[in-house]
Amino acid sequence: MENKDAIHLSQTLRTFTGTVNWYRHQLFRQFTYTDGIQFLATEAQCYWLIDRIFALQYEQPAVKIEPFQVWELTVNPDQTAMLTCGNGNDDTVYSEHISYTDFKLPKIRLFLTDSVLLLPTEY
């Protein structure tokens, strides 16, 4: 069951439609992210998720070649998780088991296109 913080986070994330600011990643300078992603990273303390998605653009050729990427983090009750990348057509191009996470939501979906990471509501 979701706690109050998770419910508030989930509700607030749905209010992001478009962005005013573009945030450039410090390590992966070719990538930017939106106000919604900045809010998510700050409130859920999950900058690690942004780092991982951008790092995989260099580590995994199958990921890098996809022009439109759908990233999903699914958290299990035992606080393990699965991070997957799809191409938007129900094809999984990458998946990774995460042995521990304290991510606040049971699931999050993010898009990466044109070197911009964004929430689905910002697309």
Foldseek 3Di string as FASTA:
>chain_A
DADPLQVVLVVVLLPDAAADDWAADPPLRQAIEGPSVVCLCVSQVPVVVVVVLSVCCVVPVLSVVQQKWKWKWAADPVQKIKIWIDNVPPHTSDIDIGPHDPGRYRMAIWMAHPRYIYHPNHD
